[in-house]
Amino acid sequence: SQGILAGVQALDRMARKLSLPIKPIPASHYLLFIGF
């Protein structure tokens, strides 16, 4: 459900000639960064 909604939100931005949302960063990347 979240993926389809995110897709529609991005398609809406594309149709309005706005920049696309930034790719979500997985939580594991934050944990890796905090660990580092």
PDB file of all heavy atoms in Angstrom:
ATOM      1  N   SER A   1       0.837  -1.198   0.000  1.00  0.00           N
ATOM      2  CA  SER A   1       0.000   0.000   0.000  1.00  0.00           C
ATOM      3  C   SER A   1       0.877   1.255   0.000  1.00  0.00           C
ATOM      4  O   SER A   1       0.649   2.196  -0.763  1.00  0.00           O
ATOM      5  CB  SER A   1      -0.914  -0.024   1.231  1.00  0.00           C
ATOM      6  OG  SER A   1      -2.015   0.804   1.048  1.00  0.00           O
ATOM      7  N   GLN A   2       1.899   1.251   0.827  1.00  0.00           N
ATOM      8  CA  GLN A   2       2.818   2.390   0.929  1.00  0.00           C
ATOM      9  C   GLN A   2       3.571   2.597  -0.389  1.00  0.00           C
ATOM     10  O   GLN A   2       3.766   3.730  -0.828  1.00  0.00           O
ATOM     11  CB  GLN A   2       3.799   2.135   2.075  1.00  0.00           C
ATOM     12  CG  GLN A   2       4.642   3.329   2.430  1.00  0.00           C
ATOM     13  CD  GLN A   2       5.500   3.060   3.662  1.00  0.00           C
ATOM     14  OE1 GLN A   2       5.115   2.297   4.539  1.00  0.00           O
ATOM     15  NE2 GLN A   2       6.658   3.679   3.712  1.00  0.00           N
ATOM     16  N   GLY A   3       3.972   1.517  -1.037  1.00  0.00           N
ATOM     17  CA  GLY A   3       4.699   1.613  -2.309  1.00  0.00           C
ATOM     18  C   GLY A   3       3.839   2.194  -3.420  1.00  0.00           C
ATOM     19  O   GLY A   3       4.299   3.029  -4.205  1.00  0.00           O
ATOM     20  N   ILE A   4       2.593   1.736  -3.476  1.00  0.00           N
ATOM     21  CA  ILE A   4       1.681   2.239  -4.519  1.00  0.00           C
ATOM     22  C   ILE A   4       1.390   3.720  -4.283  1.00  0.00           C
ATOM     23  O   ILE A   4       1.439   4.529  -5.214  1.00  0.00           O
ATOM     24  CB  ILE A   4       0.392   1.391  -4.568  1.00  0.00           C
ATOM     25  CG1 ILE A   4       0.739  -0.042  -5.017  1.00  0.00           C
ATOM     26  CG2 ILE A   4      -0.648   2.032  -5.489  1.00  0.00           C
ATOM     27  CD1 ILE A   4      -0.390  -1.051  -4.814  1.00  0.00           C
ATOM     28  N   LEU A   5       1.129   4.091  -3.032  1.00  0.00           N
ATOM     29  CA  LEU A   5       0.876   5.499  -2.707  1.00  0.00           C
ATOM     30  C   LEU A   5       2.108   6.353  -3.023  1.00  0.00           C
ATOM     31  O   LEU A   5       1.984   7.426  -3.628  1.00  0.00           O
ATOM     32  CB  LEU A   5       0.475   5.659  -1.238  1.00  0.00           C
ATOM     33  CG  LEU A   5       0.264   7.094  -0.754  1.00  0.00           C
ATOM     34  CD1 LEU A   5      -0.801   7.816  -1.581  1.00  0.00           C
ATOM     35  CD2 LEU A   5      -0.100   7.100   0.725  1.00  0.00           C
ATOM     36  N   ALA A   6       3.292   5.879  -2.658  1.00  0.00           N
ATOM     37  CA  ALA A   6       4.526   6.629  -2.955  1.00  0.00           C
ATOM     38  C   ALA A   6       4.693   6.786  -4.469  1.00  0.00           C
ATOM     39  O   ALA A   6       5.115   7.842  -4.947  1.00  0.00           O
ATOM     40  CB  ALA A   6       5.737   5.910  -2.353  1.00  0.00           C
ATOM     41  N   GLY A   7       4.342   5.748  -5.222  1.00  0.00           N
ATOM     42  CA  GLY A   7       4.407   5.820  -6.675  1.00  0.00           C
ATOM     43  C   GLY A   7       3.468   6.883  -7.228  1.00  0.00           C
ATOM     44  O   GLY A   7       3.848   7.670  -8.101  1.00  0.00           O
ATOM     45  N   VAL A   8       2.249   6.920  -6.723  1.00  0.00           N
ATOM     46  CA  VAL A   8       1.265   7.915  -7.173  1.00  0.00           C
ATOM     47  C   VAL A   8       1.728   9.329  -6.811  1.00  0.00           C
ATOM     48  O   VAL A   8       1.624  10.251  -7.620  1.00  0.00           O
ATOM     49  CB  VAL A   8      -0.138   7.609  -6.589  1.00  0.00           C
ATOM     50  CG1 VAL A   8      -1.096   8.771  -6.823  1.00  0.00           C
ATOM     51  CG2 VAL A   8      -0.689   6.323  -7.183  1.00  0.00           C
ATOM     52  N   GLN A   9       2.263   9.486  -5.604  1.00  0.00           N
ATOM     53  CA  GLN A   9       2.756  10.807  -5.202  1.00  0.00           C
ATOM     54  C   GLN A   9       3.889  11.267  -6.129  1.00  0.00           C
ATOM     55  O   GLN A   9       3.938  12.428  -6.538  1.00  0.00           O
ATOM     56  CB  GLN A   9       3.231  10.771  -3.741  1.00  0.00           C
ATOM     57  CG  GLN A   9       2.079  10.630  -2.773  1.00  0.00           C
ATOM     58  CD  GLN A   9       2.513  10.275  -1.352  1.00  0.00           C
ATOM     59  OE1 GLN A   9       3.522   9.605  -1.143  1.00  0.00           O
ATOM     60  NE2 GLN A   9       1.730  10.713  -0.374  1.00  0.00           N
ATOM     61  N   ALA A  10       4.777  10.354  -6.491  1.00  0.00           N
ATOM     62  CA  ALA A  10       5.886  10.694  -7.392  1.00  0.00           C
ATOM     63  C   ALA A  10       5.379  10.980  -8.809  1.00  0.00           C
ATOM     64  O   ALA A  10       5.863  11.909  -9.472  1.00  0.00           O
ATOM     65  CB  ALA A  10       6.917   9.563  -7.397  1.00  0.00           C
ATOM     66  N   LEU A  11       4.397  10.198  -9.279  1.00  0.00           N
ATOM     67  CA  LEU A  11       3.815  10.444 -10.604  1.00  0.00           C
ATOM     68  C   LEU A  11       3.120  11.808 -10.644  1.00  0.00           C
ATOM     69  O   LEU A  11       3.186  12.520 -11.651  1.00  0.00           O
ATOM     70  CB  LEU A  11       2.845   9.324 -10.990  1.00  0.00           C
ATOM     71  CG  LEU A  11       3.514   7.997 -11.337  1.00  0.00           C
ATOM     72  CD1 LEU A  11       2.484   6.864 -11.358  1.00  0.00           C
ATOM     73  CD2 LEU A  11       4.259   8.080 -12.660  1.00  0.00           C
ATOM     74  N   ASP A  12       2.471  12.174  -9.561  1.00  0.00           N
ATOM     75  CA  ASP A  12       1.836  13.486  -9.458  1.00  0.00           C
ATOM     76  C   ASP A  12       2.898  14.581  -9.584  1.00  0.00           C
ATOM     77  O   ASP A  12       2.723  15.556 -10.315  1.00  0.00           O
ATOM     78  CB  ASP A  12       1.089  13.599  -8.122  1.00  0.00           C
ATOM     79  CG  ASP A  12       0.479  14.973  -7.899  1.00  0.00           C
ATOM     80  OD1 ASP A  12      -0.461  15.341  -8.641  1.00  0.00           O
ATOM     81  OD2 ASP A  12       0.946  15.687  -6.984  1.00  0.00           O
ATOM     82  N   ARG A  13       4.023  14.412  -8.906  1.00  0.00           N
ATOM     83  CA  ARG A  13       5.116  15.395  -8.982  1.00  0.00           C
ATOM     84  C   ARG A  13       5.678  15.461 -10.406  1.00  0.00           C
ATOM     85  O   ARG A  13       5.964  16.546 -10.910  1.00  0.00           O
ATOM     86  CB  ARG A  13       6.209  15.067  -7.964  1.00  0.00           C
ATOM     87  CG  ARG A  13       5.729  15.242  -6.517  1.00  0.00           C
ATOM     88  CD  ARG A  13       6.835  15.070  -5.508  1.00  0.00           C
ATOM     89  NE  ARG A  13       7.851  16.111  -5.614  1.00  0.00           N
ATOM     90  CZ  ARG A  13       7.751  17.343  -5.111  1.00  0.00           C
ATOM     91  NH1 ARG A  13       6.660  17.711  -4.476  1.00  0.00           N
ATOM     92  NH2 ARG A  13       8.740  18.200  -5.252  1.00  0.00           N
ATOM     93  N   MET A  14       5.821  14.297 -11.050  1.00  0.00           N
ATOM     94  CA  MET A  14       6.313  14.263 -12.428  1.00  0.00           C
ATOM     95  C   MET A  14       5.359  15.042 -13.338  1.00  0.00           C
ATOM     96  O   MET A  14       5.789  15.844 -14.166  1.00  0.00           O
ATOM     97  CB  MET A  14       6.422  12.813 -12.914  1.00  0.00           C
ATOM     98  CG  MET A  14       6.874  12.670 -14.355  1.00  0.00           C
ATOM     99  SD  MET A  14       6.769  10.969 -14.957  1.00  0.00           S
ATOM    100  CE  MET A  14       5.024  10.896 -15.433  1.00  0.00           C
ATOM    101  N   ALA A  15       4.054  14.817 -13.176  1.00  0.00           N
ATOM    102  CA  ALA A  15       3.054  15.469 -14.021  1.00  0.00           C
ATOM    103  C   ALA A  15       3.036  16.983 -13.808  1.00  0.00           C
ATOM    104  O   ALA A  15       2.701  17.735 -14.714  1.00  0.00           O
ATOM    105  CB  ALA A  15       1.669  14.881 -13.744  1.00  0.00           C
ATOM    106  N   ARG A  16       3.424  17.414 -12.637  1.00  0.00           N
ATOM    107  CA  ARG A  16       3.454  18.846 -12.315  1.00  0.00           C
ATOM    108  C   ARG A  16       4.829  19.468 -12.582  1.00  0.00           C
ATOM    109  O   ARG A  16       5.077  20.610 -12.236  1.00  0.00           O
ATOM    110  CB  ARG A  16       3.059  19.058 -10.851  1.00  0.00           C
ATOM    111  CG  ARG A  16       1.626  18.676 -10.577  1.00  0.00           C
ATOM    112  CD  ARG A  16       1.312  18.759  -9.085  1.00  0.00           C
ATOM    113  NE  ARG A  16      -0.036  18.303  -8.814  1.00  0.00           N
ATOM    114  CZ  ARG A  16      -1.123  19.031  -8.991  1.00  0.00           C
ATOM    115  NH1 ARG A  16      -1.036  20.265  -9.439  1.00  0.00           N
ATOM    116  NH2 ARG A  16      -2.319  18.525  -8.726  1.00  0.00           N
ATOM    117  N   LYS A  17       5.752  18.661 -13.149  1.00  0.00           N
ATOM    118  CA  LYS A  17       7.116  19.120 -13.470  1.00  0.00           C
ATOM    119  C   LYS A  17       7.890  19.538 -12.221  1.00  0.00           C
ATOM    120  O   LYS A  17       8.702  20.458 -12.241  1.00  0.00           O
ATOM    121  CB  LYS A  17       7.094  20.287 -14.477  1.00  0.00           C
ATOM    122  CG  LYS A  17       6.269  20.019 -15.720  1.00  0.00           C
ATOM    123  CD  LYS A  17       7.029  19.200 -16.719  1.00  0.00           C
ATOM    124  CE  LYS A  17       6.288  19.127 -18.031  1.00  0.00           C
ATOM    125  NZ  LYS A  17       5.846  17.802 -18.378  1.00  0.00           N
ATOM    126  N   LEU A  18       7.635  18.845 -11.107  1.00  0.00           N
ATOM    127  CA  LEU A  18       8.355  19.093  -9.859  1.00  0.00           C
ATOM    128  C   LEU A  18       9.412  18.005  -9.687  1.00  0.00           C
ATOM    129  O   LEU A  18       9.316  16.939 -10.291  1.00  0.00           O
ATOM    130  CB  LEU A  18       7.377  19.060  -8.672  1.00  0.00           C
ATOM    131  CG  LEU A  18       6.216  20.054  -8.732  1.00  0.00           C
ATOM    132  CD1 LEU A  18       5.209  19.773  -7.621  1.00  0.00           C
ATOM    133  CD2 LEU A  18       6.744  21.483  -8.625  1.00  0.00           C
ATOM    134  N   SER A  19      10.391  18.254  -8.833  1.00  0.00           N
ATOM    135  CA  SER A  19      11.421  17.230  -8.628  1.00  0.00           C
ATOM    136  C   SER A  19      10.815  16.035  -7.902  1.00  0.00           C
ATOM    137  O   SER A  19       9.883  16.180  -7.106  1.00  0.00           O
ATOM    138  CB  SER A  19      12.600  17.807  -7.840  1.00  0.00           C
ATOM    139  OG  SER A  19      12.161  18.269  -6.579  1.00  0.00           O
ATOM    140  N   LEU A  20      11.356  14.871  -8.194  1.00  0.00           N
ATOM    141  CA  LEU A  20      10.849  13.651  -7.584  1.00  0.00           C
ATOM    142  C   LEU A  20      11.313  13.549  -6.138  1.00  0.00           C
ATOM    143  O   LEU A  20      12.335  14.122  -5.764  1.00  0.00           O
ATOM    144  CB  LEU A  20      11.344  12.423  -8.358  1.00  0.00           C
ATOM    145  CG  LEU A  20      10.838  12.274  -9.784  1.00  0.00           C
ATOM    146  CD1 LEU A  20      11.377  10.983 -10.397  1.00  0.00           C
ATOM    147  CD2 LEU A  20       9.328  12.277  -9.847  1.00  0.00           C
ATOM    148  N   PRO A  21      10.560  12.792  -5.328  1.00  0.00           N
ATOM    149  CA  PRO A  21      10.997  12.581  -3.946  1.00  0.00           C
ATOM    150  C   PRO A  21      12.350  11.853  -3.938  1.00  0.00           C
ATOM    151  O   PRO A  21      12.667  11.109  -4.854  1.00  0.00           O
ATOM    152  CB  PRO A  21       9.917  11.687  -3.340  1.00  0.00           C
ATOM    153  CG  PRO A  21       8.848  11.555  -4.361  1.00  0.00           C
ATOM    154  CD  PRO A  21       9.333  12.111  -5.648  1.00  0.00           C
ATOM    155  N   ILE A  22      13.100  12.082  -2.888  1.00  0.00           N
ATOM    156  CA  ILE A  22      14.393  11.419  -2.735  1.00  0.00           C
ATOM    157  C   ILE A  22      14.147   9.971  -2.323  1.00  0.00           C
ATOM    158  O   ILE A  22      13.246   9.684  -1.537  1.00  0.00           O
ATOM    159  CB  ILE A  22      15.242  12.158  -1.680  1.00  0.00           C
ATOM    160  CG1 ILE A  22      15.540  13.582  -2.178  1.00  0.00           C
ATOM    161  CG2 ILE A  22      16.533  11.410  -1.373  1.00  0.00           C
ATOM    162  CD1 ILE A  22      16.136  14.478  -1.140  1.00  0.00           C
ATOM    163  N   LYS A  23      14.977   9.089  -2.854  1.00  0.00           N
ATOM    164  CA  LYS A  23      14.870   7.667  -2.527  1.00  0.00           C
ATOM    165  C   LYS A  23      14.987   7.486  -1.016  1.00  0.00           C
ATOM    166  O   LYS A  23      15.893   8.036  -0.387  1.00  0.00           O
ATOM    167  CB  LYS A  23      15.980   6.892  -3.237  1.00  0.00           C
ATOM    168  CG  LYS A  23      15.958   5.413  -2.955  1.00  0.00           C
ATOM    169  CD  LYS A  23      17.104   4.719  -3.655  1.00  0.00           C
ATOM    170  CE  LYS A  23      17.143   3.256  -3.303  1.00  0.00           C
ATOM    171  NZ  LYS A  23      18.293   2.590  -3.908  1.00  0.00           N
ATOM    172  N   PRO A  24      14.075   6.713  -0.410  1.00  0.00           N
ATOM    173  CA  PRO A  24      14.159   6.469   1.033  1.00  0.00           C
ATOM    174  C   PRO A  24      15.467   5.753   1.375  1.00  0.00           C
ATOM    175  O   PRO A  24      15.959   4.939   0.610  1.00  0.00           O
ATOM    176  CB  PRO A  24      12.965   5.555   1.314  1.00  0.00           C
ATOM    177  CG  PRO A  24      12.093   5.646   0.113  1.00  0.00           C
ATOM    178  CD  PRO A  24      12.961   6.046  -1.030  1.00  0.00           C
ATOM    179  N   ILE A  25      16.006   6.081   2.544  1.00  0.00           N
ATOM    180  CA  ILE A  25      17.237   5.431   2.996  1.00  0.00           C
ATOM    181  C   ILE A  25      16.846   4.375   4.032  1.00  0.00           C
ATOM    182  O   ILE A  25      16.181   4.696   5.022  1.00  0.00           O
ATOM    183  CB  ILE A  25      18.207   6.462   3.616  1.00  0.00           C
ATOM    184  CG1 ILE A  25      18.586   7.518   2.565  1.00  0.00           C
ATOM    185  CG2 ILE A  25      19.442   5.776   4.178  1.00  0.00           C
ATOM    186  CD1 ILE A  25      19.349   8.696   3.106  1.00  0.00           C
ATOM    187  N   PRO A  26      17.241   3.123   3.801  1.00  0.00           N
ATOM    188  CA  PRO A  26      16.890   2.071   4.753  1.00  0.00           C
ATOM    189  C   PRO A  26      17.481   2.340   6.137  1.00  0.00           C
ATOM    190  O   PRO A  26      18.580   2.904   6.257  1.00  0.00           O
ATOM    191  CB  PRO A  26      17.512   0.800   4.153  1.00  0.00           C
ATOM    192  CG  PRO A  26      17.870   1.146   2.747  1.00  0.00           C
ATOM    193  CD  PRO A  26      18.012   2.629   2.679  1.00  0.00           C
ATOM    194  N   ALA A  27      16.781   1.924   7.177  1.00  0.00           N
ATOM    195  CA  ALA A  27      17.233   2.114   8.555  1.00  0.00           C
ATOM    196  C   ALA A  27      18.603   1.486   8.774  1.00  0.00           C
ATOM    197  O   ALA A  27      19.413   2.004   9.549  1.00  0.00           O
ATOM    198  CB  ALA A  27      16.214   1.520   9.521  1.00  0.00           C
ATOM    199  N   SER A  28      18.899   0.400   8.082  1.00  0.00           N
ATOM    200  CA  SER A  28      20.189  -0.272   8.249  1.00  0.00           C
ATOM    201  C   SER A  28      21.351   0.658   7.911  1.00  0.00           C
ATOM    202  O   SER A  28      22.427   0.565   8.509  1.00  0.00           O
ATOM    203  CB  SER A  28      20.251  -1.538   7.390  1.00  0.00           C
ATOM    204  OG  SER A  28      20.089  -1.211   6.026  1.00  0.00           O
ATOM    205  N   HIS A  29      21.149   1.578   6.970  1.00  0.00           N
ATOM    206  CA  HIS A  29      22.203   2.527   6.614  1.00  0.00           C
ATOM    207  C   HIS A  29      22.485   3.479   7.779  1.00  0.00           C
ATOM    208  O   HIS A  29      23.626   3.834   8.034  1.00  0.00           O
ATOM    209  CB  HIS A  29      21.824   3.334   5.363  1.00  0.00           C
ATOM    210  CG  HIS A  29      21.989   2.564   4.104  1.00  0.00           C
ATOM    211  ND1 HIS A  29      21.103   1.589   3.715  1.00  0.00           N
ATOM    212  CD2 HIS A  29      22.954   2.620   3.150  1.00  0.00           C
ATOM    213  CE1 HIS A  29      21.506   1.082   2.568  1.00  0.00           C
ATOM    214  NE2 HIS A  29      22.625   1.682   2.201  1.00  0.00           N
ATOM    215  N   TYR A  30      21.418   3.879   8.492  1.00  0.00           N
ATOM    216  CA  TYR A  30      21.596   4.747   9.650  1.00  0.00           C
ATOM    217  C   TYR A  30      22.346   4.010  10.747  1.00  0.00           C
ATOM    218  O   TYR A  30      23.236   4.551  11.387  1.00  0.00           O
ATOM    219  CB  TYR A  30      20.247   5.243  10.183  1.00  0.00           C
ATOM    220  CG  TYR A  30      19.566   6.228   9.268  1.00  0.00           C
ATOM    221  CD1 TYR A  30      18.371   5.904   8.643  1.00  0.00           C
ATOM    222  CD2 TYR A  30      20.111   7.479   9.030  1.00  0.00           C
ATOM    223  CE1 TYR A  30      17.749   6.800   7.801  1.00  0.00           C
ATOM    224  CE2 TYR A  30      19.483   8.391   8.192  1.00  0.00           C
ATOM    225  CZ  TYR A  30      18.307   8.047   7.580  1.00  0.00           C
ATOM    226  OH  TYR A  30      17.682   8.936   6.756  1.00  0.00           O
ATOM    227  N   LEU A  31      21.980   2.751  10.977  1.00  0.00           N
ATOM    228  CA  LEU A  31      22.639   1.956  12.010  1.00  0.00           C
ATOM    229  C   LEU A  31      24.116   1.779  11.680  1.00  0.00           C
ATOM    230  O   LEU A  31      24.967   1.857  12.557  1.00  0.00           O
ATOM    231  CB  LEU A  31      21.946   0.598  12.167  1.00  0.00           C
ATOM    232  CG  LEU A  31      20.496   0.643  12.655  1.00  0.00           C
ATOM    233  CD1 LEU A  31      19.876  -0.741  12.638  1.00  0.00           C
ATOM    234  CD2 LEU A  31      20.432   1.235  14.068  1.00  0.00           C
ATOM    235  N   LEU A  32      24.422   1.544  10.423  1.00  0.00           N
ATOM    236  CA  LEU A  32      25.802   1.407   9.971  1.00  0.00           C
ATOM    237  C   LEU A  32      26.557   2.702  10.235  1.00  0.00           C
ATOM    238  O   LEU A  32      27.693   2.672  10.748  1.00  0.00           O
ATOM    239  CB  LEU A  32      25.806   1.086   8.464  1.00  0.00           C
ATOM    240  CG  LEU A  32      26.939   0.243   7.950  1.00  0.00           C
ATOM    241  CD1 LEU A  32      26.865  -1.157   8.552  1.00  0.00           C
ATOM    242  CD2 LEU A  32      26.840   0.142   6.441  1.00  0.00           C
ATOM    243  N   PHE A  33      25.938   3.816   9.921  1.00  0.00           N
ATOM    244  CA  PHE A  33      26.554   5.130  10.119  1.00  0.00           C
ATOM    245  C   PHE A  33      26.786   5.396  11.604  1.00  0.00           C
ATOM    246  O   PHE A  33      27.861   5.825  12.000  1.00  0.00           O
ATOM    247  CB  PHE A  33      25.652   6.219   9.503  1.00  0.00           C
ATOM    248  CG  PHE A  33      26.237   7.606   9.601  1.00  0.00           C
ATOM    249  CD1 PHE A  33      27.356   7.952   8.844  1.00  0.00           C
ATOM    250  CD2 PHE A  33      25.673   8.555  10.447  1.00  0.00           C
ATOM    251  CE1 PHE A  33      27.903   9.241   8.935  1.00  0.00           C
ATOM    252  CE2 PHE A  33      26.207   9.822  10.530  1.00  0.00           C
ATOM    253  CZ  PHE A  33      27.320  10.158   9.779  1.00  0.00           C
ATOM    254  N   ILE A  34      25.786   5.088  12.445  1.00  0.00           N
ATOM    255  CA  ILE A  34      25.912   5.292  13.881  1.00  0.00           C
ATOM    256  C   ILE A  34      27.023   4.394  14.439  1.00  0.00           C
ATOM    257  O   ILE A  34      27.841   4.807  15.247  1.00  0.00           O
ATOM    258  CB  ILE A  34      24.564   5.026  14.592  1.00  0.00           C
ATOM    259  CG1 ILE A  34      23.570   6.136  14.209  1.00  0.00           C
ATOM    260  CG2 ILE A  34      24.734   4.953  16.099  1.00  0.00           C
ATOM    261  CD1 ILE A  34      22.140   5.855  14.602  1.00  0.00           C
ATOM    262  N   GLY A  35      27.052   3.135  13.954  1.00  0.00           N
ATOM    263  CA  GLY A  35      28.097   2.211  14.387  1.00  0.00           C
ATOM    264  C   GLY A  35      29.474   2.716  14.006  1.00  0.00           C
ATOM    265  O   GLY A  35      30.433   2.607  14.777  1.00  0.00           O
ATOM    266  N   PHE A  36      29.590   3.302  12.823  1.00  0.00           N
ATOM    267  CA  PHE A  36      30.858   3.829  12.353  1.00  0.00           C
ATOM    268  C   PHE A  36      31.320   4.983  13.239  1.00  0.00           C
ATOM    269  O   PHE A  36      32.478   5.074  13.619  1.00  0.00           O
ATOM    270  CB  PHE A  36      30.722   4.291  10.898  1.00  0.00           C
ATOM    271  CG  PHE A  36      32.000   4.813  10.312  1.00  0.00           C
ATOM    272  CD1 PHE A  36      33.026   3.946   9.967  1.00  0.00           C
ATOM    273  CD2 PHE A  36      32.188   6.168  10.103  1.00  0.00           C
ATOM    274  CE1 PHE A  36      34.221   4.416   9.429  1.00  0.00           C
ATOM    275  CE2 PHE A  36      33.363   6.653   9.570  1.00  0.00           C
ATOM    276  CZ  PHE A  36      34.383   5.778   9.219  1.00  0.00           C
TER     277      PHE A  36
END
